Amino acid sequence: MKLAVIGGGGVRSMFLAKSIAQKAAQLGIDELVFMDNNEKKLNIYGKMAKVVAGKLNADLRFRLTADAAEAIRDADYVITTIRVGEDDMRVRDERIALSLGVLGQETTGAAGLSFAMRSVDALAKYCELVKQLAKPGCKVFNFTNPAGVVSQTLRDMGYDFTYGICDAPSGMLRSFEKLYGAPEGSARGEVYGLNHLSYFQSVTIGGRDVLRELIENDRAYKETDLRYFEKSLLRERNAILNEYLYYFYYREQAVANILAAPQTRGEQIAEINRKMTAELEQLDVERDFDKALSIFEYWYGERENNYMAAESGVKRETRWHFDIFEPDDGGYAGVALSFIRIAQGGKADSMILCVPNNGAIEGLLDTDVVEITCDIVGGEAVPHRFGKVDEQNLELIRRVKIYERLASEAIRTKSRVKAVEALTLHPLVASYSLATQLTDAYLEHNKAYTGVWT
């Protein structure tokens, strides 16, 4: 089986390689190709990933390439994790919104539309290559943000072999396992909503529902990503919230914190990546891997400990370490691998994916892409049926979903009018005048990538 990763030169490439190499023999993956059009990064982070894969599975044929056609040809599965315009464009995405007093977060905030404007055309080209060159039935797992808008748009374009993946829900479940000292994979969640806007209706560990316990557990607010919320909010919602809901329920606090911070999240990551890459560029990362790994651990630890710190005022203080041989939590590669494992096993099992609603949540269209617990049956994802959900939760989901529908239409038709409509309805913008200014600024910002919109 061949697995291709488009965006294999990213700084998280080692994590992907580790996840895949640890499970390759079990899943029958014998060929792995990492592709990136940034050859400098591919020759740093891609080569480090290759070393990791080799240490874990010497029989795995691992290749690096800058040729997308070579990577995709005869692939059984493809993972896409790209950043068109790289870090500098993200920084400007966020600052444009903040200059107008609007949250600029790159997935849930207004900046997500700008990022999607650049991403979709590139991803569509890769999807066309999949149709032409990959094996029949090839599935594409898209991790490129904003996964909600991107997944919706790709489906609207007819690429029904694409699935949006995110490691936030699975990461939350793993943190609950650690809290309870429970084995990996013992926590399950019934999740409904949208990418970065989803609600856990139930959480079970070893078959026992612990949702109410977790909401009341003071340790959970220190040791898991419940740290971003007040206990009273979770009681009122009668659910555990995706960490990104912080931006919706604490909007003014998030914006004030970001404006008061010396750097945005995008600026932090751009600086960390720039310094890390400059140091690693001086090494032969394959021959001097231990030193390269030490450099990577330092800078990536800085990145992890500052996750959502500027926005929330809460900084993590854990020493970050990358252990090649430690059993892997999986991350977003783990989501894709779970699908492959279940599909191959022939026995239905559940996982959380971004898929068309198809009647699962009342009040949404069948074609609306949602983030939801699914059964994988016959190699296809079938969402669990939630029916009527909490009225207040649904109202927020519907508002953001209408934004995503309009954003999809704007990107597919290159319509300035639809982009303005989308941002006007976005709960974190909620203003026609701001939406107009943002749209015009983003069209100017992205014109080298998107061409002319009308």
Protein backbone atom coordinates (compact mmCIF):
# COMPACT_ATOMS: atom_id res chain seq x y z
CA MET A 1 0.00 0.00 0.00
CA LYS A 2 1.24 3.47 -0.89
CA LEU A 3 0.58 6.55 1.25
CA ALA A 4 1.51 10.03 -0.02
CA VAL A 5 1.83 13.17 2.10
CA ILE A 6 1.46 16.49 0.29
CA GLY A 7 3.20 19.06 2.47
CA GLY A 8 5.87 16.69 3.76
CA GLY A 9 8.37 19.49 4.35
CA GLY A 10 6.41 21.01 7.24
CA VAL A 11 7.90 21.25 10.72
CA ARG A 12 5.55 18.51 11.95
CA SER A 13 6.77 15.99 9.36
CA MET A 14 8.59 13.88 11.95
CA PHE A 15 5.32 13.35 13.81
CA LEU A 16 3.66 12.10 10.64
CA ALA A 17 6.58 9.79 9.87
CA LYS A 18 6.59 8.39 13.39
CA SER A 19 2.85 7.67 13.40
CA ILE A 20 2.90 6.04 9.99
CA ALA A 21 6.10 4.04 10.46
CA GLN A 22 4.94 2.63 13.81
CA LYS A 23 1.76 1.28 12.24
CA ALA A 24 2.93 0.61 8.68
CA ALA A 25 3.50 -3.13 9.03
CA GLN A 26 0.17 -3.62 10.81
CA LEU A 27 -1.68 -1.68 8.10
CA GLY A 28 0.24 -3.05 5.13
CA ILE A 29 1.79 0.31 4.19
CA ASP A 30 5.06 -0.47 2.40
CA GLU A 31 5.61 2.77 0.48
CA LEU A 32 5.57 6.29 1.90
CA VAL A 33 6.27 9.44 -0.11
CA PHE A 34 6.61 12.94 1.34
CA MET A 35 6.18 15.71 -1.23
CA ASP A 36 6.75 19.44 -0.81
CA ASN A 37 7.38 22.25 -3.28
CA ASN A 38 9.65 24.00 -0.77
CA GLU A 39 12.78 21.96 -1.37
CA LYS A 40 14.79 23.67 1.38
CA LYS A 41 12.28 22.63 4.02
CA LEU A 42 11.87 19.21 2.43
CA ASN A 43 15.63 18.69 2.74
CA ILE A 44 15.51 19.60 6.44
CA TYR A 45 12.24 18.44 7.95
CA GLY A 46 11.55 15.81 5.30
CA LYS A 47 14.98 14.27 5.82
CA MET A 48 14.51 14.27 9.59
CA ALA A 49 11.21 12.46 9.02
CA LYS A 50 13.02 9.95 6.82
CA VAL A 51 15.52 9.21 9.61
CA VAL A 52 12.69 8.67 12.09
CA ALA A 53 10.85 6.32 9.73
CA GLY A 54 14.04 4.36 9.06
CA LYS A 55 14.71 3.85 12.76
CA LEU A 56 11.20 2.52 13.27
CA ASN A 57 10.69 0.46 10.14
CA ALA A 58 13.67 -0.29 7.94
CA ASP A 59 11.46 -2.13 5.44
CA LEU A 60 9.30 0.91 4.71
CA ARG A 61 10.21 2.44 1.35
CA PHE A 62 10.39 6.14 2.15
CA ARG A 63 11.00 8.76 -0.53
CA LEU A 64 11.13 12.55 -0.68
CA THR A 65 10.12 14.43 -3.81
CA ALA A 66 9.16 17.89 -5.06
CA ASP A 67 7.04 16.29 -7.83
CA ALA A 68 3.36 16.00 -6.88
CA ALA A 69 2.58 13.62 -9.75
CA GLU A 70 5.34 11.26 -8.62
CA ALA A 71 4.02 11.31 -5.05
CA ILE A 72 0.37 10.71 -5.99
CA ARG A 73 0.85 8.16 -8.77
CA ASP A 74 -0.62 4.78 -7.67
CA ALA A 75 -1.30 6.05 -4.13
CA ASP A 76 -3.95 4.28 -2.06
CA TYR A 77 -4.31 7.21 0.36
CA VAL A 78 -3.18 10.85 0.35
CA ILE A 79 -2.80 13.27 3.26
CA THR A 80 -2.73 16.99 2.42
CA THR A 81 -1.22 19.43 4.91
CA ILE A 82 -0.12 22.52 3.02
CA ARG A 83 0.39 26.20 3.82
CA VAL A 84 0.15 28.27 0.65
CA GLY A 85 2.10 31.48 1.19
CA GLU A 86 3.79 29.98 4.27
CA ASP A 87 4.16 31.78 7.60
CA ASP A 88 4.54 35.33 6.31
CA MET A 89 1.12 35.28 4.64
CA ARG A 90 -0.46 33.94 7.83
CA VAL A 91 1.04 36.79 9.83
CA ARG A 92 -0.51 39.33 7.49
CA ASP A 93 -3.85 37.44 7.44
CA GLU A 94 -4.11 37.88 11.20
CA ARG A 95 -2.84 41.47 11.37
CA ILE A 96 -5.31 42.67 8.72
CA ALA A 97 -8.21 41.49 10.90
CA LEU A 98 -6.70 42.79 14.13
CA SER A 99 -6.19 46.21 12.59
CA LEU A 100 -9.99 46.42 12.44
CA GLY A 101 -10.49 45.05 15.94
CA VAL A 102 -11.60 41.65 14.61
CA LEU A 103 -10.22 38.30 15.77
CA GLY A 104 -7.58 37.21 13.28
CA GLN A 105 -7.18 33.57 14.32
CA GLU A 106 -6.40 31.61 11.16
CA THR A 107 -9.12 28.99 11.41
CA THR A 108 -12.05 30.33 13.40
CA GLY A 109 -11.40 34.03 12.83
CA ALA A 110 -11.73 36.19 9.74
CA ALA A 111 -8.23 35.19 8.66
CA GLY A 112 -9.57 31.72 7.91
CA LEU A 113 -11.28 33.04 4.79
CA SER A 114 -8.01 34.52 3.55
CA PHE A 115 -6.15 31.26 4.18
CA ALA A 116 -8.88 29.28 2.39
CA MET A 117 -8.74 31.64 -0.60
CA ARG A 118 -5.14 30.55 -1.16
CA SER A 119 -5.53 26.90 -0.19
CA VAL A 120 -8.47 25.66 -2.23
CA ASP A 121 -7.06 26.21 -5.73
CA ALA A 122 -3.86 24.38 -4.79
CA LEU A 123 -5.75 21.52 -3.16
CA ALA A 124 -8.08 21.21 -6.15
CA LYS A 125 -5.04 20.68 -8.39
CA TYR A 126 -3.85 17.89 -6.12
CA CYS A 127 -7.35 16.37 -6.15
CA GLU A 128 -7.32 16.38 -9.95
CA LEU A 129 -4.00 14.53 -9.87
CA VAL A 130 -5.58 12.01 -7.51
CA LYS A 131 -8.41 11.43 -10.00
CA GLN A 132 -5.89 10.99 -12.84
CA LEU A 133 -3.00 9.13 -11.21
CA ALA A 134 -3.94 7.52 -7.89
CA LYS A 135 -5.46 4.08 -7.55
CA PRO A 136 -9.23 3.83 -7.97
CA GLY A 137 -10.95 4.51 -4.65
CA CYS A 138 -8.07 6.58 -3.28
CA LYS A 139 -9.14 8.67 -0.27
CA VAL A 140 -7.73 12.14 0.50
CA PHE A 141 -7.48 13.23 4.13
CA ASN A 142 -7.20 17.00 4.32
CA PHE A 143 -5.55 18.60 7.35
CA THR A 144 -5.04 21.97 5.64
CA ASN A 145 -6.76 24.72 7.62
CA PRO A 146 -9.34 26.08 7.90
CA ALA A 147 -10.52 22.49 7.60
CA GLY A 148 -14.19 23.45 7.84
CA VAL A 149 -14.25 25.87 4.91
CA VAL A 150 -11.73 23.87 2.89
CA SER A 151 -13.56 20.55 3.36
CA GLN A 152 -16.89 22.18 2.49
CA THR A 153 -15.48 23.76 -0.66
CA LEU A 154 -13.75 20.61 -1.90
CA ARG A 155 -16.97 18.62 -1.43
CA ASP A 156 -18.95 21.36 -3.19
CA MET A 157 -16.49 21.07 -6.09
CA GLY A 158 -17.34 17.37 -6.41
CA TYR A 159 -14.31 15.84 -4.69
CA ASP A 160 -16.34 13.35 -2.70
CA PHE A 161 -13.26 11.27 -1.91
CA THR A 162 -11.98 13.97 0.47
CA TYR A 163 -12.35 13.94 4.26
CA GLY A 164 -11.43 16.74 6.64
CA ILE A 165 -9.33 15.59 9.58
CA CYS A 166 -8.36 17.34 12.80
CA ASP A 167 -6.51 16.09 15.86
CA ALA A 168 -8.24 18.42 18.35
CA PRO A 169 -11.09 16.01 19.30
CA SER A 170 -8.82 12.94 19.50
CA GLY A 171 -6.23 14.96 21.43
CA MET A 172 -8.90 15.99 23.92
CA LEU A 173 -9.94 12.36 24.40
CA ARG A 174 -6.32 11.30 24.91
CA SER A 175 -5.89 13.99 27.58
CA PHE A 176 -8.88 12.53 29.43
CA GLU A 177 -7.33 9.06 29.25
CA LYS A 178 -4.17 10.44 30.84
CA LEU A 179 -6.23 12.22 33.50
CA TYR A 180 -7.85 8.91 34.46
CA GLY A 181 -4.73 6.80 33.94
CA ALA A 182 -6.66 4.86 31.32
CA PRO A 183 -5.18 2.98 28.33
CA GLU A 184 -4.85 4.74 24.98
CA GLY A 185 -7.97 4.20 22.88
CA SER A 186 -10.25 3.57 25.86
CA ALA A 187 -11.91 7.01 25.65
CA ARG A 188 -14.68 7.53 23.13
CA GLY A 189 -16.70 10.62 22.39
CA GLU A 190 -20.02 11.41 20.76
CA VAL A 191 -19.17 14.67 19.00
CA TYR A 192 -21.28 16.95 16.81
CA GLY A 193 -20.72 20.37 15.28
CA LEU A 194 -18.19 21.83 12.89
CA ASN A 195 -14.42 21.76 12.69
CA HIS A 196 -13.07 23.81 15.61
CA LEU A 197 -16.66 24.33 16.76
CA SER A 198 -17.79 20.99 18.12
CA TYR A 199 -19.42 19.68 21.29
CA PHE A 200 -18.85 16.40 23.14
CA GLN A 201 -22.35 15.18 24.01
CA SER A 202 -20.84 12.23 25.87
CA VAL A 203 -17.40 10.94 26.81
CA THR A 204 -16.91 7.34 27.88
CA ILE A 205 -13.79 5.72 29.27
CA GLY A 206 -13.84 1.95 29.33
CA GLY A 207 -17.55 2.12 28.47
CA ARG A 208 -18.46 4.36 31.44
CA ASP A 209 -19.89 7.85 30.74
CA VAL A 210 -17.69 10.38 32.55
CA LEU A 211 -18.88 13.64 30.96
CA ARG A 212 -20.52 15.02 34.11
CA GLU A 213 -17.51 13.95 36.19
CA LEU A 214 -15.15 15.75 33.85
CA ILE A 215 -17.17 18.95 33.95
CA GLU A 216 -16.91 18.96 37.76
CA ASN A 217 -13.28 17.74 37.93
CA ASP A 218 -11.01 20.60 39.01
CA ARG A 219 -7.93 18.72 37.79
CA ALA A 220 -9.35 18.67 34.26
CA TYR A 221 -9.24 22.49 34.19
CA LYS A 222 -5.52 22.37 34.97
CA GLU A 223 -4.33 19.30 33.08
CA THR A 224 -6.46 19.30 29.90
CA ASP A 225 -7.73 21.88 27.42
CA LEU A 226 -10.72 22.51 29.62
CA ARG A 227 -8.27 25.10 31.01
CA TYR A 228 -9.69 27.66 28.57
CA PHE A 229 -13.23 27.56 30.01
CA GLU A 230 -15.10 28.23 33.20
CA LYS A 231 -16.89 25.33 34.83
CA SER A 232 -20.17 27.28 34.78
CA LEU A 233 -20.09 27.49 30.96
CA LEU A 234 -19.71 23.72 30.53
CA ARG A 235 -22.50 23.12 33.04
CA GLU A 236 -24.79 25.44 31.07
CA ARG A 237 -23.90 23.86 27.73
CA ASN A 238 -24.10 20.37 29.27
CA ALA A 239 -21.19 19.44 27.03
CA ILE A 240 -17.42 19.48 26.78
CA LEU A 241 -16.28 22.08 24.30
CA ASN A 242 -13.68 21.95 21.55
CA GLU A 243 -10.84 24.21 22.71
CA TYR A 244 -11.39 26.58 19.77
CA LEU A 245 -14.81 27.50 21.12
CA TYR A 246 -12.84 29.74 23.48
CA TYR A 247 -12.74 32.28 20.65
CA PHE A 248 -16.55 32.36 20.43
CA TYR A 249 -17.46 32.31 24.12
CA TYR A 250 -14.66 34.68 25.17
CA ARG A 251 -14.35 36.78 22.03
CA GLU A 252 -13.58 40.19 23.54
CA GLN A 253 -11.13 38.64 25.99
CA ALA A 254 -9.29 36.84 23.17
CA VAL A 255 -9.03 39.98 21.03
CA ALA A 256 -7.88 42.12 23.97
CA ASN A 257 -5.25 39.55 24.98
CA ILE A 258 -3.90 39.28 21.42
CA LEU A 259 -3.73 43.05 20.96
CA ALA A 260 -1.93 43.41 24.29
CA ALA A 261 0.58 40.65 23.50
CA PRO A 262 3.92 41.48 21.86
CA GLN A 263 3.25 38.95 19.09
CA THR A 264 0.31 37.19 17.48
CA ARG A 265 0.34 33.40 17.29
CA GLY A 266 1.29 33.65 13.63
CA GLU A 267 4.21 35.95 14.45
CA GLN A 268 5.37 33.60 17.21
CA ILE A 269 5.34 30.60 14.88
CA ALA A 270 6.99 32.53 12.04
CA GLU A 271 9.83 33.62 14.33
CA ILE A 272 10.27 30.17 15.90
CA ASN A 273 10.24 28.44 12.50
CA ARG A 274 12.66 30.98 11.03
CA LYS A 275 15.18 30.56 13.89
CA MET A 276 14.83 26.78 13.98
CA THR A 277 15.24 26.44 10.21
CA ALA A 278 18.30 28.73 10.24
CA GLU A 279 20.01 26.54 12.84
CA LEU A 280 19.08 23.27 11.17
CA GLU A 281 20.19 24.57 7.78
CA GLN A 282 23.78 24.56 9.05
CA LEU A 283 23.70 20.81 9.65
CA ASP A 284 23.55 17.65 7.63
CA VAL A 285 20.42 16.58 9.47
CA GLU A 286 20.76 12.92 8.47
CA ARG A 287 24.38 12.51 9.55
CA ASP A 288 24.05 14.69 12.67
CA PHE A 289 20.49 13.73 13.53
CA ASP A 290 20.90 13.80 17.32
CA LYS A 291 22.05 17.42 17.27
CA ALA A 292 19.31 18.31 14.80
CA LEU A 293 16.73 16.67 17.05
CA SER A 294 18.01 18.62 20.06
CA ILE A 295 17.58 21.89 18.17
CA PHE A 296 14.12 20.85 17.02
CA GLU A 297 13.04 19.88 20.55
CA TYR A 298 14.03 23.25 21.96
CA TRP A 299 12.21 25.34 19.37
CA TYR A 300 9.16 23.11 19.05
CA GLY A 301 8.85 23.11 22.84
CA GLU A 302 8.68 26.90 22.71
CA ARG A 303 5.92 26.62 20.13
CA GLU A 304 3.89 24.11 22.16
CA ASN A 305 4.14 25.93 25.47
CA ASN A 306 2.90 29.14 23.86
CA TYR A 307 -0.12 27.46 22.21
CA MET A 308 -3.13 29.78 22.72
CA ALA A 309 -1.13 31.64 25.39
CA ALA A 310 -1.43 35.10 23.82
CA GLU A 311 -5.16 34.64 23.24
CA SER A 312 -6.10 33.14 26.62
CA GLY A 313 -3.37 34.29 28.99
CA VAL A 314 -2.76 30.63 29.90
CA LYS A 315 0.74 29.30 29.16
CA ARG A 316 1.75 25.64 29.34
CA GLU A 317 4.86 24.84 31.35
CA THR A 318 5.76 21.30 30.31
CA ARG A 319 9.16 20.27 28.98
CA TRP A 320 8.61 19.07 25.45
CA HIS A 321 10.44 15.98 24.23
CA PHE A 322 10.25 13.92 21.06
CA ASP A 323 10.78 10.22 21.76
CA ILE A 324 11.02 8.29 18.52
CA PHE A 325 10.29 4.92 20.08
CA GLU A 326 7.55 5.89 22.55
CA PRO A 327 4.10 4.63 21.49
CA ASP A 328 2.47 7.36 19.47
CA ASP A 329 -0.72 9.28 20.29
CA GLY A 330 -1.17 9.74 16.55
CA GLY A 331 -2.05 13.40 16.04
CA TYR A 332 -3.71 14.11 12.72
CA ALA A 333 -1.83 11.23 11.07
CA GLY A 334 -3.46 9.03 13.69
CA VAL A 335 -6.90 10.13 12.48
CA ALA A 336 -6.08 9.09 8.91
CA LEU A 337 -4.52 5.84 10.10
CA SER A 338 -7.59 5.04 12.20
CA PHE A 339 -9.73 5.27 9.07
CA ILE A 340 -7.36 2.93 7.21
CA ARG A 341 -7.27 0.47 10.12
CA ILE A 342 -11.05 0.30 10.40
CA ALA A 343 -11.61 0.16 6.64
CA GLN A 344 -9.15 -2.72 6.31
CA GLY A 345 -10.42 -4.60 9.33
CA GLY A 346 -13.86 -5.14 7.84
CA LYS A 347 -15.52 -4.56 11.23
CA ALA A 348 -17.42 -1.30 11.81
CA ASP A 349 -15.87 1.07 14.32
CA SER A 350 -16.25 4.77 15.08
CA MET A 351 -14.05 7.86 14.81
CA ILE A 352 -14.43 11.64 14.40
CA LEU A 353 -14.22 13.13 10.90
CA CYS A 354 -15.43 16.07 8.82
CA VAL A 355 -18.07 14.61 6.48
CA PRO A 356 -21.40 15.62 4.90
CA ASN A 357 -24.21 15.85 7.47
CA ASN A 358 -26.70 13.63 5.61
CA GLY A 359 -29.43 14.15 8.20
CA ALA A 360 -27.26 13.55 11.26
CA ILE A 361 -27.97 16.95 12.86
CA GLU A 362 -31.46 18.38 12.44
CA GLY A 363 -31.44 21.97 11.21
CA LEU A 364 -28.50 21.56 8.84
CA LEU A 365 -28.47 20.65 5.15
CA ASP A 366 -27.50 17.15 4.07
CA THR A 367 -24.58 18.66 2.10
CA ASP A 368 -23.23 20.65 5.04
CA VAL A 369 -19.83 19.30 6.07
CA VAL A 370 -19.83 18.72 9.84
CA GLU A 371 -17.32 17.42 12.38
CA ILE A 372 -19.02 14.40 13.88
CA THR A 373 -18.58 10.91 15.24
CA CYS A 374 -18.90 8.44 12.36
CA ASP A 375 -19.01 4.71 11.82
CA ILE A 376 -16.62 3.54 9.12
CA VAL A 377 -18.54 0.91 7.18
CA GLY A 378 -17.33 -0.61 3.92
CA GLY A 379 -14.62 2.02 3.65
CA GLU A 380 -17.11 4.90 3.91
CA ALA A 381 -17.96 7.25 6.79
CA VAL A 382 -21.53 7.15 8.11
CA PRO A 383 -22.24 9.93 10.66
CA HIS A 384 -24.00 9.08 13.90
CA ARG A 385 -27.51 10.55 14.09
CA PHE A 386 -27.87 13.20 16.79
CA GLY A 387 -31.27 14.51 15.69
CA LYS A 388 -32.30 17.56 17.69
CA VAL A 389 -29.37 19.01 19.62
CA ASP A 390 -29.18 21.79 22.20
CA GLU A 391 -30.87 24.88 20.77
CA GLN A 392 -28.12 27.33 21.73
CA ASN A 393 -25.34 25.08 20.46
CA LEU A 394 -27.21 24.59 17.19
CA GLU A 395 -27.70 28.35 16.74
CA LEU A 396 -23.95 28.96 16.83
CA ILE A 397 -23.28 25.95 14.58
CA ARG A 398 -25.87 27.15 12.03
CA ARG A 399 -24.50 30.69 11.95
CA VAL A 400 -20.95 29.52 11.28
CA LYS A 401 -22.18 26.92 8.79
CA ILE A 402 -23.97 29.59 6.75
CA TYR A 403 -20.67 31.52 6.74
CA GLU A 404 -18.88 28.39 5.49
CA ARG A 405 -21.45 27.79 2.73
CA LEU A 406 -21.09 31.38 1.52
CA ALA A 407 -17.30 31.23 1.82
CA SER A 408 -17.31 28.09 -0.32
CA GLU A 409 -19.44 29.81 -2.95
CA ALA A 410 -17.22 32.90 -2.86
CA ILE A 411 -14.06 30.85 -3.41
CA ARG A 412 -15.57 28.65 -6.14
CA THR A 413 -17.03 31.56 -8.09
CA LYS A 414 -14.42 34.19 -7.14
CA SER A 415 -17.22 36.43 -5.93
CA ARG A 416 -16.41 39.48 -3.82
CA VAL A 417 -20.11 39.88 -3.01
CA LYS A 418 -20.38 36.38 -1.55
CA ALA A 419 -17.19 36.89 0.47
CA VAL A 420 -18.69 40.05 2.00
CA GLU A 421 -21.92 38.17 2.75
CA ALA A 422 -19.94 35.36 4.38
CA LEU A 423 -17.95 37.62 6.69
CA THR A 424 -21.00 39.73 7.52
CA LEU A 425 -22.67 36.64 8.96
CA HIS A 426 -19.54 35.32 10.71
CA PRO A 427 -20.23 35.67 14.48
CA LEU A 428 -16.72 37.01 15.08
CA VAL A 429 -17.20 39.77 12.47
CA ALA A 430 -20.99 40.39 12.43
CA SER A 431 -20.75 43.68 10.54
CA TYR A 432 -21.28 44.57 6.88
CA SER A 433 -18.87 47.51 7.02
CA LEU A 434 -16.12 45.42 8.61
CA ALA A 435 -16.81 42.54 6.21
CA THR A 436 -16.41 44.89 3.24
CA GLN A 437 -13.10 46.24 4.51
CA LEU A 438 -11.79 42.78 5.32
CA THR A 439 -12.81 41.33 1.96
CA ASP A 440 -11.13 44.11 0.00
CA ALA A 441 -7.98 43.86 2.11
CA TYR A 442 -7.82 40.08 1.70
CA LEU A 443 -8.41 40.23 -2.06
CA GLU A 444 -5.51 42.67 -2.39
CA HIS A 445 -3.37 40.57 -0.02
CA ASN A 446 -3.99 37.35 -1.98
CA LYS A 447 -4.12 38.60 -5.58
CA ALA A 448 -0.83 36.89 -6.52
CA TYR A 449 -2.42 33.57 -5.53
CA THR A 450 -6.09 34.00 -6.42
CA GLY A 451 -6.17 36.30 -9.44
CA VAL A 452 -9.04 38.74 -9.96
CA TRP A 453 -12.38 38.34 -8.17
CA THR A 454 -15.49 40.14 -9.34
